[in-house]
Amino acid sequence: MIESIATYESAETRYVVVNGHRIAYRRLGQQDGVPLLHLLHFGGNMDHVDPAVANGIAARQPLILFDAPGIGRSEGRVPWINKIDVFGYSMGGCVAQMLALNHPHLVRRLILVGTVPSIGKGVTPPPAASFAVYRRAKTVEEHRQAFIGFSFHPCEKSQKAAQKAWAKVIVSRPDRIVDVGSNARRGQLFSFAKFMKPELAHEGSYDRLHELKMHVLLVKGSNDVVLDDSTFRTMINMMSNACVTSHIYPDSGHACHFQYPEEFVRLAVDFLEAPLGVGRSQGKTRSAKL
């Protein structure tokens, strides 16, 4: 009997006990191959993922979603596995950078969407006010407004995509957790503020980005409130020893991969399946013509 492949909608929520704490995760797609670990954004858990993106990638490569310690269904801290690709979105991308820098032997390829490095020359910190709507959100409607207002551009094209993305996310899982809780959000904001403190720059990623020697895909929306063009260029230049491919989606905001899920899946799969290059030359930034 052939075992069916788990999708975002059908994947069982499982738990691993680490130092007496339960960590919740879901494994999608194939059982064989290098898994892609997806690290999520501020205020997000496994139920805040676009199923079109998750299923598109999982059709080609194993995908692991998990609730970070203290978020959603998880407690405590989580250990790591032996060889992975990493996909970090927004705040999850900050974690992904440090994971790749501190454990380079574990990370084969790195995808960063709408994320910033720690503070340094050429880096514009995201405006604190932009997080306020997510910080206050509790009800389904408040989360809908935060998702659309924070993650998408005000133009008509982006707003239509926002409504479509929200409609998919909200109905994809019957056991969906709407709100991660005020304590979890407060902890995330504290961690991000610490990540961006100039006096703690030695603990961040900015001064170490040249250490990355893997293939890296950097993606942003043309009007991202978190990641501006100057910071994006700075990241590319600082990753001087990595093989960097960069991509900008037009008429889009912070959640550009939610707005262009099919296009993003093609981009990510091509990146993950491309042969590993011998050189470390940087790719050119491409703006999608859609």
C-alpha atoms as a PDB file:
ATOM      1  CA  MET A   1       0.000   0.000   0.000  1.00  0.00           C
ATOM      2  CA  ILE A   2       1.401   3.395  -1.023  1.00  0.00           C
ATOM      3  CA  GLU A   3       1.305   5.938   1.794  1.00  0.00           C
ATOM      4  CA  SER A   4      -0.390   9.183   0.814  1.00  0.00           C
ATOM      5  CA  ILE A   5       1.720  12.331   0.881  1.00  0.00           C
ATOM      6  CA  ALA A   6       0.745  14.738   3.655  1.00  0.00           C
ATOM      7  CA  THR A   7      -0.408  18.182   2.540  1.00  0.00           C
ATOM      8  CA  TYR A   8      -0.710  21.381   4.563  1.00  0.00           C
ATOM      9  CA  GLU A   9      -4.388  20.602   5.110  1.00  0.00           C
ATOM     10  CA  SER A  10      -3.917  16.949   6.098  1.00  0.00           C
ATOM     11  CA  ALA A  11      -0.544  16.806   7.880  1.00  0.00           C
ATOM     12  CA  GLU A  12      -0.831  15.505  11.418  1.00  0.00           C
ATOM     13  CA  THR A  13       0.362  17.720  14.242  1.00  0.00           C
ATOM     14  CA  ARG A  14       3.075  15.750  16.025  1.00  0.00           C
ATOM     15  CA  TYR A  15       5.189  16.415  19.075  1.00  0.00           C
ATOM     16  CA  VAL A  16       8.760  15.769  20.110  1.00  0.00           C
ATOM     17  CA  VAL A  17       9.726  16.049  23.775  1.00  0.00           C
ATOM     18  CA  VAL A  18      12.888  18.078  24.340  1.00  0.00           C
ATOM     19  CA  ASN A  19      14.206  18.554  27.864  1.00  0.00           C
ATOM     20  CA  GLY A  20      10.743  17.815  29.226  1.00  0.00           C
ATOM     21  CA  HIS A  21       8.949  20.244  26.880  1.00  0.00           C
ATOM     22  CA  ARG A  22       6.725  19.416  23.914  1.00  0.00           C
ATOM     23  CA  ILE A  23       7.569  20.923  20.519  1.00  0.00           C
ATOM     24  CA  ALA A  24       4.802  20.785  17.902  1.00  0.00           C
ATOM     25  CA  TYR A  25       5.636  20.157  14.256  1.00  0.00           C
ATOM     26  CA  ARG A  26       4.159  18.975  10.961  1.00  0.00           C
ATOM     27  CA  ARG A  27       6.006  17.192   8.169  1.00  0.00           C
ATOM     28  CA  LEU A  28       4.658  17.664   4.651  1.00  0.00           C
ATOM     29  CA  GLY A  29       5.463  16.039   1.338  1.00  0.00           C
ATOM     30  CA  GLN A  30       8.030  13.373   0.568  1.00  0.00           C
ATOM     31  CA  GLN A  31       9.744  11.365   3.278  1.00  0.00           C
ATOM     32  CA  ASP A  32      13.073  11.250   1.458  1.00  0.00           C
ATOM     33  CA  GLY A  33      15.383  14.133   0.599  1.00  0.00           C
ATOM     34  CA  VAL A  34      16.886  17.115   2.402  1.00  0.00           C
ATOM     35  CA  PRO A  35      14.065  18.698   4.461  1.00  0.00           C
ATOM     36  CA  LEU A  36      13.293  22.398   4.170  1.00  0.00           C
ATOM     37  CA  LEU A  37      12.717  23.913   7.608  1.00  0.00           C
ATOM     38  CA  HIS A  38      10.316  26.879   7.512  1.00  0.00           C
ATOM     39  CA  LEU A  39      10.864  29.548  10.201  1.00  0.00           C
ATOM     40  CA  LEU A  40       7.908  31.891  10.595  1.00  0.00           C
ATOM     41  CA  HIS A  41       7.223  35.575  11.093  1.00  0.00           C
ATOM     42  CA  PHE A  42       6.332  37.706  14.115  1.00  0.00           C
ATOM     43  CA  GLY A  43       3.049  36.558  15.645  1.00  0.00           C
ATOM     44  CA  GLY A  44       2.939  33.488  13.400  1.00  0.00           C
ATOM     45  CA  ASN A  45       2.621  29.765  14.043  1.00  0.00           C
ATOM     46  CA  MET A  46       2.073  26.741  11.802  1.00  0.00           C
ATOM     47  CA  ASP A  47      -1.451  27.956  11.066  1.00  0.00           C
ATOM     48  CA  HIS A  48      -0.225  31.205   9.472  1.00  0.00           C
ATOM     49  CA  VAL A  49       1.210  29.658   6.292  1.00  0.00           C
ATOM     50  CA  ASP A  50      -0.131  29.983   2.742  1.00  0.00           C
ATOM     51  CA  PRO A  51      -1.142  26.411   1.788  1.00  0.00           C
ATOM     52  CA  ALA A  52      -0.324  27.113  -1.868  1.00  0.00           C
ATOM     53  CA  VAL A  53       3.298  27.851  -0.940  1.00  0.00           C
ATOM     54  CA  ALA A  54       3.585  24.963   1.544  1.00  0.00           C
ATOM     55  CA  ASN A  55       2.030  22.371  -0.762  1.00  0.00           C
ATOM     56  CA  GLY A  56       3.909  23.634  -3.809  1.00  0.00           C
ATOM     57  CA  ILE A  57       7.276  23.165  -2.134  1.00  0.00           C
ATOM     58  CA  ALA A  58       6.281  19.938  -0.349  1.00  0.00           C
ATOM     59  CA  ALA A  59       5.388  18.371  -3.708  1.00  0.00           C
ATOM     60  CA  ARG A  60       9.102  18.431  -4.553  1.00  0.00           C
ATOM     61  CA  GLN A  61      10.898  18.334  -1.211  1.00  0.00           C
ATOM     62  CA  PRO A  62      10.086  17.423   2.422  1.00  0.00           C
ATOM     63  CA  LEU A  63       8.854  20.490   4.319  1.00  0.00           C
ATOM     64  CA  ILE A  64       8.897  20.849   8.098  1.00  0.00           C
ATOM     65  CA  LEU A  65       6.712  23.393   9.869  1.00  0.00           C
ATOM     66  CA  PHE A  66       6.967  23.870  13.608  1.00  0.00           C
ATOM     67  CA  ASP A  67       5.781  26.139  16.369  1.00  0.00           C
ATOM     68  CA  ALA A  68       8.758  27.899  17.917  1.00  0.00           C
ATOM     69  CA  PRO A  69       9.299  27.486  21.670  1.00  0.00           C
ATOM     70  CA  GLY A  70       6.529  29.217  23.582  1.00  0.00           C
ATOM     71  CA  ILE A  71       4.486  29.764  20.392  1.00  0.00           C
ATOM     72  CA  GLY A  72       1.237  28.037  19.468  1.00  0.00           C
ATOM     73  CA  ARG A  73       1.341  24.419  20.602  1.00  0.00           C
ATOM     74  CA  SER A  74       5.002  24.340  21.710  1.00  0.00           C
ATOM     75  CA  GLU A  75       6.848  24.644  24.984  1.00  0.00           C
ATOM     76  CA  GLY A  76      10.556  24.875  25.828  1.00  0.00           C
ATOM     77  CA  ARG A  77      13.455  24.712  23.360  1.00  0.00           C
ATOM     78  CA  VAL A  78      14.050  22.602  20.285  1.00  0.00           C
ATOM     79  CA  PRO A  79      17.232  20.760  19.183  1.00  0.00           C
ATOM     80  CA  TRP A  80      18.355  20.555  15.574  1.00  0.00           C
ATOM     81  CA  ILE A  81      18.680  17.827  12.957  1.00  0.00           C
ATOM     82  CA  ASN A  82      21.597  16.768  10.801  1.00  0.00           C
ATOM     83  CA  LYS A  83      21.227  18.377   7.328  1.00  0.00           C
ATOM     84  CA  ILE A  84      18.579  20.855   6.231  1.00  0.00           C
ATOM     85  CA  ASP A  85      17.633  23.646   3.894  1.00  0.00           C
ATOM     86  CA  VAL A  86      16.166  26.650   5.714  1.00  0.00           C
ATOM     87  CA  PHE A  87      13.375  29.029   4.686  1.00  0.00           C
ATOM     88  CA  GLY A  88      12.994  32.048   6.979  1.00  0.00           C
ATOM     89  CA  TYR A  89      10.288  34.663   6.569  1.00  0.00           C
ATOM     90  CA  SER A  90      10.430  38.047   8.341  1.00  0.00           C
ATOM     91  CA  MET A  91      11.450  37.476  11.982  1.00  0.00           C
ATOM     92  CA  GLY A  92      11.948  33.808  11.122  1.00  0.00           C
ATOM     93  CA  GLY A  93      14.621  34.990   8.690  1.00  0.00           C
ATOM     94  CA  CYS A  94      16.561  36.579  11.557  1.00  0.00           C
ATOM     95  CA  VAL A  95      16.595  33.186  13.274  1.00  0.00           C
ATOM     96  CA  ALA A  96      17.528  31.529   9.979  1.00  0.00           C
ATOM     97  CA  GLN A  97      20.547  33.825   9.562  1.00  0.00           C
ATOM     98  CA  MET A  98      21.887  32.943  13.004  1.00  0.00           C
ATOM     99  CA  LEU A  99      21.217  29.251  12.465  1.00  0.00           C
ATOM    100  CA  ALA A 100      23.193  29.301   9.219  1.00  0.00           C
ATOM    101  CA  LEU A 101      26.015  31.321  10.789  1.00  0.00           C
ATOM    102  CA  ASN A 102      26.309  29.279  13.990  1.00  0.00           C
ATOM    103  CA  HIS A 103      25.756  25.865  12.367  1.00  0.00           C
ATOM    104  CA  PRO A 104      27.019  26.184   8.770  1.00  0.00           C
ATOM    105  CA  HIS A 105      27.603  22.418   8.520  1.00  0.00           C
ATOM    106  CA  LEU A 106      23.846  21.835   8.995  1.00  0.00           C
ATOM    107  CA  VAL A 107      22.490  24.290   6.439  1.00  0.00           C
ATOM    108  CA  ARG A 108      22.784  23.383   2.764  1.00  0.00           C
ATOM    109  CA  ARG A 109      20.780  26.278   1.250  1.00  0.00           C
ATOM    110  CA  LEU A 110      19.160  29.358   2.738  1.00  0.00           C
ATOM    111  CA  ILE A 111      15.995  31.197   1.623  1.00  0.00           C
ATOM    112  CA  LEU A 112      15.297  34.574   3.238  1.00  0.00           C
ATOM    113  CA  VAL A 113      12.044  36.436   2.509  1.00  0.00           C
ATOM    114  CA  GLY A 114      11.288  39.929   3.812  1.00  0.00           C
ATOM    115  CA  THR A 115      13.899  39.750   6.547  1.00  0.00           C
ATOM    116  CA  VAL A 116      16.646  42.086   7.771  1.00  0.00           C
ATOM    117  CA  PRO A 117      20.097  41.526   9.256  1.00  0.00           C
ATOM    118  CA  SER A 118      21.044  42.945  12.621  1.00  0.00           C
ATOM    119  CA  ILE A 119      21.927  46.626  12.760  1.00  0.00           C
ATOM    120  CA  GLY A 120      24.885  47.991  10.826  1.00  0.00           C
ATOM    121  CA  LYS A 121      25.876  50.534   8.172  1.00  0.00           C
ATOM    122  CA  GLY A 122      23.313  50.581   5.373  1.00  0.00           C
ATOM    123  CA  VAL A 123      20.593  48.836   7.397  1.00  0.00           C
ATOM    124  CA  THR A 124      17.328  50.678   8.024  1.00  0.00           C
ATOM    125  CA  PRO A 125      15.531  49.322  11.113  1.00  0.00           C
ATOM    126  CA  PRO A 126      11.848  48.554  10.466  1.00  0.00           C
ATOM    127  CA  PRO A 127       9.576  51.282  11.913  1.00  0.00           C
ATOM    128  CA  ALA A 128       8.299  50.187  15.316  1.00  0.00           C
ATOM    129  CA  ALA A 129       4.839  51.539  14.514  1.00  0.00           C
ATOM    130  CA  SER A 130       4.423  48.998  11.713  1.00  0.00           C
ATOM    131  CA  PHE A 131       4.269  46.163  14.272  1.00  0.00           C
ATOM    132  CA  ALA A 132       1.611  47.849  16.410  1.00  0.00           C
ATOM    133  CA  VAL A 133      -1.382  46.452  14.535  1.00  0.00           C
ATOM    134  CA  TYR A 134      -0.111  42.880  14.998  1.00  0.00           C
ATOM    135  CA  ARG A 135       0.789  43.543  18.612  1.00  0.00           C
ATOM    136  CA  ARG A 136      -2.782  44.552  19.445  1.00  0.00           C
ATOM    137  CA  ALA A 137      -4.612  41.940  17.349  1.00  0.00           C
ATOM    138  CA  LYS A 138      -6.615  39.299  19.239  1.00  0.00           C
ATOM    139  CA  THR A 139      -9.803  38.487  17.346  1.00  0.00           C
ATOM    140  CA  VAL A 140     -10.058  36.899  13.906  1.00  0.00           C
ATOM    141  CA  GLU A 141     -11.112  40.210  12.382  1.00  0.00           C
ATOM    142  CA  GLU A 142      -8.235  42.088  14.041  1.00  0.00           C
ATOM    143  CA  HIS A 143      -5.790  39.489  12.728  1.00  0.00           C
ATOM    144  CA  ARG A 144      -7.301  39.816   9.249  1.00  0.00           C
ATOM    145  CA  GLN A 145      -6.807  43.581   9.330  1.00  0.00           C
ATOM    146  CA  ALA A 146      -3.248  43.196  10.640  1.00  0.00           C
ATOM    147  CA  PHE A 147      -2.391  40.595   7.996  1.00  0.00           C
ATOM    148  CA  ILE A 148      -3.695  42.734   5.141  1.00  0.00           C
ATOM    149  CA  GLY A 149      -2.484  46.095   6.447  1.00  0.00           C
ATOM    150  CA  PHE A 150       1.008  45.005   7.512  1.00  0.00           C
ATOM    151  CA  SER A 151       1.871  42.432   4.866  1.00  0.00           C
ATOM    152  CA  PHE A 152       0.463  43.850   1.623  1.00  0.00           C
ATOM    153  CA  HIS A 153       0.816  47.021  -0.452  1.00  0.00           C
ATOM    154  CA  PRO A 154      -2.177  49.435  -0.546  1.00  0.00           C
ATOM    155  CA  CYS A 155      -2.505  49.172  -4.347  1.00  0.00           C
ATOM    156  CA  GLU A 156      -5.549  47.360  -5.765  1.00  0.00           C
ATOM    157  CA  LYS A 157      -3.542  44.419  -7.129  1.00  0.00           C
ATOM    158  CA  SER A 158      -1.933  43.682  -3.779  1.00  0.00           C
ATOM    159  CA  GLN A 159      -5.151  44.165  -1.807  1.00  0.00           C
ATOM    160  CA  LYS A 160      -6.992  41.655  -4.010  1.00  0.00           C
ATOM    161  CA  ALA A 161      -4.176  39.166  -3.445  1.00  0.00           C
ATOM    162  CA  ALA A 162      -4.375  39.835   0.314  1.00  0.00           C
ATOM    163  CA  GLN A 163      -8.079  38.965   0.457  1.00  0.00           C
ATOM    164  CA  LYS A 164      -7.458  35.787  -1.538  1.00  0.00           C
ATOM    165  CA  ALA A 165      -4.518  34.747   0.643  1.00  0.00           C
ATOM    166  CA  TRP A 166      -6.440  35.354   3.871  1.00  0.00           C
ATOM    167  CA  ALA A 167      -9.398  33.317   2.596  1.00  0.00           C
ATOM    168  CA  LYS A 168      -7.070  30.357   1.987  1.00  0.00           C
ATOM    169  CA  VAL A 169      -5.217  30.598   5.287  1.00  0.00           C
ATOM    170  CA  ILE A 170      -8.300  30.918   7.491  1.00  0.00           C
ATOM    171  CA  VAL A 171     -10.041  27.758   6.221  1.00  0.00           C
ATOM    172  CA  SER A 172      -7.094  25.435   5.578  1.00  0.00           C
ATOM    173  CA  ARG A 173      -6.895  23.879   9.052  1.00  0.00           C
ATOM    174  CA  PRO A 174      -9.900  23.014  11.244  1.00  0.00           C
ATOM    175  CA  ASP A 175      -7.694  23.078  14.366  1.00  0.00           C
ATOM    176  CA  ARG A 176      -6.261  26.529  13.602  1.00  0.00           C
ATOM    177  CA  ILE A 177      -4.868  28.674  16.438  1.00  0.00           C
ATOM    178  CA  VAL A 178      -5.805  32.278  15.648  1.00  0.00           C
ATOM    179  CA  ASP A 179      -3.785  34.157  18.260  1.00  0.00           C
ATOM    180  CA  VAL A 180      -0.365  33.189  19.630  1.00  0.00           C
ATOM    181  CA  GLY A 181      -1.012  35.251  22.764  1.00  0.00           C
ATOM    182  CA  SER A 182       0.214  38.558  24.146  1.00  0.00           C
ATOM    183  CA  ASN A 183       3.065  37.004  26.162  1.00  0.00           C
ATOM    184  CA  ALA A 184       4.447  35.254  23.084  1.00  0.00           C
ATOM    185  CA  ARG A 185       4.212  38.425  20.993  1.00  0.00           C
ATOM    186  CA  ARG A 186       5.913  40.424  23.737  1.00  0.00           C
ATOM    187  CA  GLY A 187       8.729  37.877  23.881  1.00  0.00           C
ATOM    188  CA  GLN A 188       9.173  38.000  20.113  1.00  0.00           C
ATOM    189  CA  LEU A 189       9.336  41.801  20.098  1.00  0.00           C
ATOM    190  CA  PHE A 190      11.888  41.760  22.919  1.00  0.00           C
ATOM    191  CA  SER A 191      14.051  39.283  20.994  1.00  0.00           C
ATOM    192  CA  PHE A 192      13.845  41.331  17.793  1.00  0.00           C
ATOM    193  CA  ALA A 193      14.676  44.567  19.641  1.00  0.00           C
ATOM    194  CA  LYS A 194      17.709  42.852  21.145  1.00  0.00           C
ATOM    195  CA  PHE A 195      18.715  41.587  17.684  1.00  0.00           C
ATOM    196  CA  MET A 196      18.708  45.187  16.383  1.00  0.00           C
ATOM    197  CA  LYS A 197      20.544  46.867  19.305  1.00  0.00           C
ATOM    198  CA  PRO A 198      23.830  48.528  18.210  1.00  0.00           C
ATOM    199  CA  GLU A 199      25.515  47.628  21.508  1.00  0.00           C
ATOM    200  CA  LEU A 200      24.746  43.940  20.858  1.00  0.00           C
ATOM    201  CA  ALA A 201      25.940  43.968  17.244  1.00  0.00           C
ATOM    202  CA  HIS A 202      28.632  41.409  18.092  1.00  0.00           C
ATOM    203  CA  GLU A 203      25.853  38.890  18.814  1.00  0.00           C
ATOM    204  CA  GLY A 204      23.947  39.580  15.575  1.00  0.00           C
ATOM    205  CA  SER A 205      24.334  38.672  11.932  1.00  0.00           C
ATOM    206  CA  TYR A 206      25.487  41.891  10.214  1.00  0.00           C
ATOM    207  CA  ASP A 207      29.220  41.655  10.950  1.00  0.00           C
ATOM    208  CA  ARG A 208      29.196  37.943  10.106  1.00  0.00           C
ATOM    209  CA  LEU A 209      27.267  37.798   6.841  1.00  0.00           C
ATOM    210  CA  HIS A 210      30.558  37.327   4.978  1.00  0.00           C
ATOM    211  CA  GLU A 211      30.902  33.982   6.780  1.00  0.00           C
ATOM    212  CA  LEU A 212      28.017  32.489   4.814  1.00  0.00           C
ATOM    213  CA  LYS A 213      29.389  30.204   2.111  1.00  0.00           C
ATOM    214  CA  MET A 214      26.234  28.427   1.002  1.00  0.00           C
ATOM    215  CA  HIS A 215      23.730  29.283  -1.724  1.00  0.00           C
ATOM    216  CA  VAL A 216      21.342  32.015  -0.548  1.00  0.00           C
ATOM    217  CA  LEU A 217      18.078  33.207  -2.101  1.00  0.00           C
ATOM    218  CA  LEU A 218      17.006  36.711  -0.993  1.00  0.00           C
ATOM    219  CA  VAL A 219      13.423  37.765  -1.781  1.00  0.00           C
ATOM    220  CA  LYS A 220      11.441  40.940  -1.085  1.00  0.00           C
ATOM    221  CA  GLY A 221       8.363  42.830  -2.177  1.00  0.00           C
ATOM    222  CA  SER A 222       8.880  46.112  -4.000  1.00  0.00           C
ATOM    223  CA  ASN A 223       7.179  48.044  -1.166  1.00  0.00           C
ATOM    224  CA  ASP A 224       8.106  46.024   1.915  1.00  0.00           C
ATOM    225  CA  VAL A 225       7.608  48.035   5.145  1.00  0.00           C
ATOM    226  CA  VAL A 226      10.202  45.889   6.938  1.00  0.00           C
ATOM    227  CA  LEU A 227      12.912  45.450   4.289  1.00  0.00           C
ATOM    228  CA  ASP A 228      13.688  48.541   2.215  1.00  0.00           C
ATOM    229  CA  ASP A 229      15.791  48.593  -0.956  1.00  0.00           C
ATOM    230  CA  SER A 230      18.890  49.989   0.744  1.00  0.00           C
ATOM    231  CA  THR A 231      18.951  47.236   3.368  1.00  0.00           C
ATOM    232  CA  PHE A 232      18.337  44.625   0.670  1.00  0.00           C
ATOM    233  CA  ARG A 233      21.356  45.831  -1.322  1.00  0.00           C
ATOM    234  CA  THR A 234      23.436  45.934   1.844  1.00  0.00           C
ATOM    235  CA  MET A 235      22.604  42.297   2.607  1.00  0.00           C
ATOM    236  CA  ILE A 236      23.632  41.237  -0.898  1.00  0.00           C
ATOM    237  CA  ASN A 237      26.929  43.116  -0.658  1.00  0.00           C
ATOM    238  CA  MET A 238      27.718  41.825   2.842  1.00  0.00           C
ATOM    239  CA  MET A 239      27.232  38.191   1.745  1.00  0.00           C
ATOM    240  CA  SER A 240      30.470  38.430  -0.196  1.00  0.00           C
ATOM    241  CA  ASN A 241      31.382  34.745   0.111  1.00  0.00           C
ATOM    242  CA  ALA A 242      27.937  33.289  -0.559  1.00  0.00           C
ATOM    243  CA  CYS A 243      26.392  32.424  -3.919  1.00  0.00           C
ATOM    244  CA  VAL A 244      23.494  34.885  -3.809  1.00  0.00           C
ATOM    245  CA  THR A 245      20.386  35.003  -5.954  1.00  0.00           C
ATOM    246  CA  SER A 246      18.027  37.903  -5.265  1.00  0.00           C
ATOM    247  CA  HIS A 247      14.497  38.586  -6.426  1.00  0.00           C
ATOM    248  CA  ILE A 248      12.039  41.490  -6.072  1.00  0.00           C
ATOM    249  CA  TYR A 249       8.304  41.087  -6.706  1.00  0.00           C
ATOM    250  CA  PRO A 250       6.466  44.164  -8.054  1.00  0.00           C
ATOM    251  CA  ASP A 251       3.417  45.894  -6.527  1.00  0.00           C
ATOM    252  CA  SER A 252       3.825  43.906  -3.335  1.00  0.00           C
ATOM    253  CA  GLY A 253       4.554  44.341   0.349  1.00  0.00           C
ATOM    254  CA  HIS A 254       6.049  42.293   3.166  1.00  0.00           C
ATOM    255  CA  ALA A 255       4.281  39.020   2.291  1.00  0.00           C
ATOM    256  CA  CYS A 256       5.231  38.975  -1.386  1.00  0.00           C
ATOM    257  CA  HIS A 257       5.283  35.146  -1.400  1.00  0.00           C
ATOM    258  CA  PHE A 258       1.630  35.158  -0.276  1.00  0.00           C
ATOM    259  CA  GLN A 259       0.779  37.507  -3.142  1.00  0.00           C
ATOM    260  CA  TYR A 260       2.651  35.450  -5.749  1.00  0.00           C
ATOM    261  CA  PRO A 261       2.490  31.885  -4.344  1.00  0.00           C
ATOM    262  CA  GLU A 262       2.824  29.956  -7.623  1.00  0.00           C
ATOM    263  CA  GLU A 263       5.648  32.171  -8.866  1.00  0.00           C
ATOM    264  CA  PHE A 264       7.426  31.936  -5.520  1.00  0.00           C
ATOM    265  CA  VAL A 265       7.142  28.145  -5.447  1.00  0.00           C
ATOM    266  CA  ARG A 266       8.748  27.951  -8.910  1.00  0.00           C
ATOM    267  CA  LEU A 267      11.526  30.305  -7.796  1.00  0.00           C
ATOM    268  CA  ALA A 268      12.165  28.394  -4.559  1.00  0.00           C
ATOM    269  CA  VAL A 269      12.063  24.941  -6.151  1.00  0.00           C
ATOM    270  CA  ASP A 270      14.426  26.000  -8.957  1.00  0.00           C
ATOM    271  CA  PHE A 271      16.796  27.394  -6.329  1.00  0.00           C
ATOM    272  CA  LEU A 272      16.637  24.298  -4.105  1.00  0.00           C
ATOM    273  CA  GLU A 273      17.050  21.840  -6.987  1.00  0.00           C
ATOM    274  CA  ALA A 274      19.762  23.665  -8.943  1.00  0.00           C
ATOM    275  CA  PRO A 275      23.210  21.991  -8.912  1.00  0.00           C
ATOM    276  CA  LEU A 276      25.554  23.242  -6.232  1.00  0.00           C
ATOM    277  CA  GLY A 277      28.026  25.619  -7.836  1.00  0.00           C
ATOM    278  CA  VAL A 278      31.728  25.556  -7.229  1.00  0.00           C
ATOM    279  CA  GLY A 279      32.205  29.278  -7.326  1.00  0.00           C
ATOM    280  CA  ARG A 280      30.909  31.913  -4.938  1.00  0.00           C
ATOM    281  CA  SER A 281      29.915  34.554  -7.490  1.00  0.00           C
ATOM    282  CA  GLN A 282      26.839  36.579  -6.676  1.00  0.00           C
ATOM    283  CA  GLY A 283      23.721  36.437  -8.800  1.00  0.00           C
ATOM    284  CA  LYS A 284      22.014  39.560 -10.084  1.00  0.00           C
ATOM    285  CA  THR A 285      18.906  41.004  -8.512  1.00  0.00           C
ATOM    286  CA  ARG A 286      15.870  40.275 -10.643  1.00  0.00           C
ATOM    287  CA  SER A 287      12.540  42.080 -10.562  1.00  0.00           C
ATOM    288  CA  ALA A 288       9.723  39.782 -11.595  1.00  0.00           C
ATOM    289  CA  LYS A 289       7.669  40.880 -14.630  1.00  0.00           C
ATOM    290  CA  LEU A 290       4.218  39.627 -13.737  1.00  0.00           C
END
